[in-house]
Amino acid sequence: MPKLTNISGRDAVKAFLKFGYRHVHTSGDHAILQKPNAPSLSIPLHKEVA
């Protein structure tokens, strides 16, 4: 299995928005995303997210 590459937090948010999540708010440097019948996500808006 190939290794996954690191991406930025903003790119991660964009990817989850394409899958139906919506950006609810930003708390500090974390974006909070929600989707019905799915867990809420807190994604750090850092330069790299492992």
C-alpha atoms as a PDB file:
ATOM      1  CA  MET A   1       0.000   0.000   0.000  1.00  0.00           C
ATOM      2  CA  PRO A   2       1.491   3.394  -0.959  1.00  0.00           C
ATOM      3  CA  LYS A   3       2.101   6.039   1.703  1.00  0.00           C
ATOM      4  CA  LEU A   4      -0.328   8.931   1.903  1.00  0.00           C
ATOM      5  CA  THR A   5       1.092  12.391   1.395  1.00  0.00           C
ATOM      6  CA  ASN A   6       0.643  15.298   3.807  1.00  0.00           C
ATOM      7  CA  ILE A   7      -1.806  17.999   2.728  1.00  0.00           C
ATOM      8  CA  SER A   8      -2.696  21.394   4.143  1.00  0.00           C
ATOM      9  CA  GLY A   9      -5.634  21.828   6.475  1.00  0.00           C
ATOM     10  CA  ARG A  10      -7.392  24.042   3.959  1.00  0.00           C
ATOM     11  CA  ASP A  11      -7.070  21.353   1.276  1.00  0.00           C
ATOM     12  CA  ALA A  12      -8.502  18.798   3.732  1.00  0.00           C
ATOM     13  CA  VAL A  13     -11.503  21.067   4.380  1.00  0.00           C
ATOM     14  CA  LYS A  14     -12.083  21.442   0.618  1.00  0.00           C
ATOM     15  CA  ALA A  15     -12.041  17.659   0.203  1.00  0.00           C
ATOM     16  CA  PHE A  16     -14.592  17.089   2.985  1.00  0.00           C
ATOM     17  CA  LEU A  17     -16.853  19.834   1.586  1.00  0.00           C
ATOM     18  CA  LYS A  18     -17.000  17.874  -1.693  1.00  0.00           C
ATOM     19  CA  PHE A  19     -18.237  14.847   0.293  1.00  0.00           C
ATOM     20  CA  GLY A  20     -21.211  16.703   1.752  1.00  0.00           C
ATOM     21  CA  TYR A  21     -19.812  18.199   4.946  1.00  0.00           C
ATOM     22  CA  ARG A  22     -20.554  21.852   5.665  1.00  0.00           C
ATOM     23  CA  HIS A  23     -18.308  24.354   7.413  1.00  0.00           C
ATOM     24  CA  VAL A  24     -20.145  25.345  10.599  1.00  0.00           C
ATOM     25  CA  HIS A  25     -17.578  27.668  12.172  1.00  0.00           C
ATOM     26  CA  THR A  26     -13.901  28.190  12.881  1.00  0.00           C
ATOM     27  CA  SER A  27     -12.663  27.906  16.449  1.00  0.00           C
ATOM     28  CA  GLY A  28      -9.143  29.289  16.803  1.00  0.00           C
ATOM     29  CA  ASP A  29      -7.153  27.574  14.068  1.00  0.00           C
ATOM     30  CA  HIS A  30      -9.550  24.619  13.646  1.00  0.00           C
ATOM     31  CA  ALA A  31     -12.385  24.345  11.132  1.00  0.00           C
ATOM     32  CA  ILE A  32     -15.481  22.581  12.472  1.00  0.00           C
ATOM     33  CA  LEU A  33     -17.369  20.558   9.844  1.00  0.00           C
ATOM     34  CA  GLN A  34     -20.698  18.753  10.200  1.00  0.00           C
ATOM     35  CA  LYS A  35     -22.756  16.366   8.106  1.00  0.00           C
ATOM     36  CA  PRO A  36     -26.109  14.778   8.982  1.00  0.00           C
ATOM     37  CA  ASN A  37     -25.762  11.235  10.366  1.00  0.00           C
ATOM     38  CA  ALA A  38     -21.969  11.538  10.514  1.00  0.00           C
ATOM     39  CA  PRO A  39     -19.529  12.567  13.235  1.00  0.00           C
ATOM     40  CA  SER A  40     -18.455  16.212  13.453  1.00  0.00           C
ATOM     41  CA  LEU A  41     -14.901  16.936  12.331  1.00  0.00           C
ATOM     42  CA  SER A  42     -12.357  19.365  13.730  1.00  0.00           C
ATOM     43  CA  ILE A  43      -9.597  19.975  11.175  1.00  0.00           C
ATOM     44  CA  PRO A  44      -6.535  22.055  12.105  1.00  0.00           C
ATOM     45  CA  LEU A  45      -5.839  24.777   9.557  1.00  0.00           C
ATOM     46  CA  HIS A  46      -2.086  24.169   9.591  1.00  0.00           C
ATOM     47  CA  LYS A  47       0.341  24.189   6.715  1.00  0.00           C
ATOM     48  CA  GLU A  48       0.613  20.384   6.872  1.00  0.00           C
ATOM     49  CA  VAL A  49      -1.792  17.834   8.300  1.00  0.00           C
ATOM     50  CA  ALA A  50      -0.350  14.319   8.566  1.00  0.00           C
END
